[in-house]
Amino acid sequence: MTIKKISKKMALTVEEAAQISNIGENKLRDLIHAGRLEYFKIGNRYLIPTEGLREFIRAAGKSKTQI
């Protein structure tokens, strides 16, 4: 699936979020478990709302903190 198609989805798998954000899958899972990244779970899959990922990246950029 192309990045353009992925970014139009309402929610992303960890793998898709990693692909479009350039944040590693393990780091995304760490952020989820630390409560720093919005997510929901369906079965065994963690899904990250696309807008939540955008907000997280914007906030990290504004605060210039290491994630």
C-alpha atoms as a PDB file:
ATOM      1  CA  MET A   1       0.000   0.000   0.000  1.00  0.00           C
ATOM      2  CA  THR A   2       1.333   3.443  -0.859  1.00  0.00           C
ATOM      3  CA  ILE A   3       1.987   6.137   1.730  1.00  0.00           C
ATOM      4  CA  LYS A   4      -0.659   8.329   0.092  1.00  0.00           C
ATOM      5  CA  LYS A   5      -3.323   5.618   0.577  1.00  0.00           C
ATOM      6  CA  ILE A   6      -2.167   4.912   4.122  1.00  0.00           C
ATOM      7  CA  SER A   7      -2.337   8.573   5.158  1.00  0.00           C
ATOM      8  CA  LYS A   8      -6.006   8.757   4.078  1.00  0.00           C
ATOM      9  CA  LYS A   9      -7.014   6.036   6.554  1.00  0.00           C
ATOM     10  CA  MET A  10      -8.725   7.019   9.805  1.00  0.00           C
ATOM     11  CA  ALA A  11      -6.585   4.622  11.849  1.00  0.00           C
ATOM     12  CA  LEU A  12      -3.235   3.009  11.193  1.00  0.00           C
ATOM     13  CA  THR A  13      -1.562  -0.173  12.309  1.00  0.00           C
ATOM     14  CA  VAL A  14       1.756   0.274  14.093  1.00  0.00           C
ATOM     15  CA  GLU A  15       3.501  -0.857  10.914  1.00  0.00           C
ATOM     16  CA  GLU A  16       1.669   1.725   8.762  1.00  0.00           C
ATOM     17  CA  ALA A  17       2.272   4.498  11.309  1.00  0.00           C
ATOM     18  CA  ALA A  18       5.978   3.644  11.321  1.00  0.00           C
ATOM     19  CA  GLN A  19       6.110   3.745   7.542  1.00  0.00           C
ATOM     20  CA  ILE A  20       4.586   7.217   7.184  1.00  0.00           C
ATOM     21  CA  SER A  21       6.149   8.823  10.280  1.00  0.00           C
ATOM     22  CA  ASN A  22       9.682   7.387  10.111  1.00  0.00           C
ATOM     23  CA  ILE A  23       9.329   6.438  13.775  1.00  0.00           C
ATOM     24  CA  GLY A  24      10.309   2.823  14.403  1.00  0.00           C
ATOM     25  CA  GLU A  25       7.679   0.234  15.228  1.00  0.00           C
ATOM     26  CA  ASN A  26       9.266  -0.549  18.599  1.00  0.00           C
ATOM     27  CA  LYS A  27       9.383   3.149  19.512  1.00  0.00           C
ATOM     28  CA  LEU A  28       5.707   3.545  18.588  1.00  0.00           C
ATOM     29  CA  ARG A  29       4.817   0.577  20.795  1.00  0.00           C
ATOM     30  CA  ASP A  30       6.887   2.108  23.634  1.00  0.00           C
ATOM     31  CA  LEU A  31       4.980   5.402  23.224  1.00  0.00           C
ATOM     32  CA  ILE A  32       1.658   3.542  23.278  1.00  0.00           C
ATOM     33  CA  HIS A  33       2.554   1.626  26.448  1.00  0.00           C
ATOM     34  CA  ALA A  34       3.813   4.831  28.106  1.00  0.00           C
ATOM     35  CA  GLY A  35       0.464   6.518  27.377  1.00  0.00           C
ATOM     36  CA  ARG A  36       2.061   9.178  25.172  1.00  0.00           C
ATOM     37  CA  LEU A  37       0.378   8.147  21.910  1.00  0.00           C
ATOM     38  CA  GLU A  38      -3.358   7.753  21.384  1.00  0.00           C
ATOM     39  CA  TYR A  39      -4.463   4.270  20.316  1.00  0.00           C
ATOM     40  CA  PHE A  40      -7.197   1.702  20.538  1.00  0.00           C
ATOM     41  CA  LYS A  41      -7.057  -2.033  20.374  1.00  0.00           C
ATOM     42  CA  ILE A  42      -9.099  -4.436  18.280  1.00  0.00           C
ATOM     43  CA  GLY A  43      -8.250  -8.013  19.079  1.00  0.00           C
ATOM     44  CA  ASN A  44      -4.473  -8.161  19.308  1.00  0.00           C
ATOM     45  CA  ARG A  45      -3.926  -5.200  16.987  1.00  0.00           C
ATOM     46  CA  TYR A  46      -3.013  -1.733  18.164  1.00  0.00           C
ATOM     47  CA  LEU A  47      -4.528   0.946  15.944  1.00  0.00           C
ATOM     48  CA  ILE A  48      -3.394   4.552  16.033  1.00  0.00           C
ATOM     49  CA  PRO A  49      -5.857   7.237  14.906  1.00  0.00           C
ATOM     50  CA  THR A  50      -4.235   9.121  12.025  1.00  0.00           C
ATOM     51  CA  GLU A  51      -5.105  12.492  13.540  1.00  0.00           C
ATOM     52  CA  GLY A  52      -3.663  11.388  16.893  1.00  0.00           C
ATOM     53  CA  LEU A  53      -0.363  10.548  15.199  1.00  0.00           C
ATOM     54  CA  ARG A  54      -0.341  13.945  13.457  1.00  0.00           C
ATOM     55  CA  GLU A  55      -1.017  15.731  16.753  1.00  0.00           C
ATOM     56  CA  PHE A  56       1.728  13.781  18.500  1.00  0.00           C
ATOM     57  CA  ILE A  57       4.261  14.706  15.822  1.00  0.00           C
ATOM     58  CA  ARG A  58       3.189  18.380  15.865  1.00  0.00           C
ATOM     59  CA  ALA A  59       3.478  18.538  19.660  1.00  0.00           C
ATOM     60  CA  ALA A  60       6.878  16.830  19.644  1.00  0.00           C
ATOM     61  CA  GLY A  61       8.109  19.304  17.040  1.00  0.00           C
ATOM     62  CA  LYS A  62       6.847  22.315  18.987  1.00  0.00           C
ATOM     63  CA  SER A  63       8.358  21.208  22.271  1.00  0.00           C
ATOM     64  CA  LYS A  64      11.566  20.005  20.585  1.00  0.00           C
ATOM     65  CA  THR A  65      11.744  17.127  23.025  1.00  0.00           C
ATOM     66  CA  GLN A  66      13.306  13.812  22.277  1.00  0.00           C
ATOM     67  CA  ILE A  67      10.756  11.045  21.896  1.00  0.00           C
END
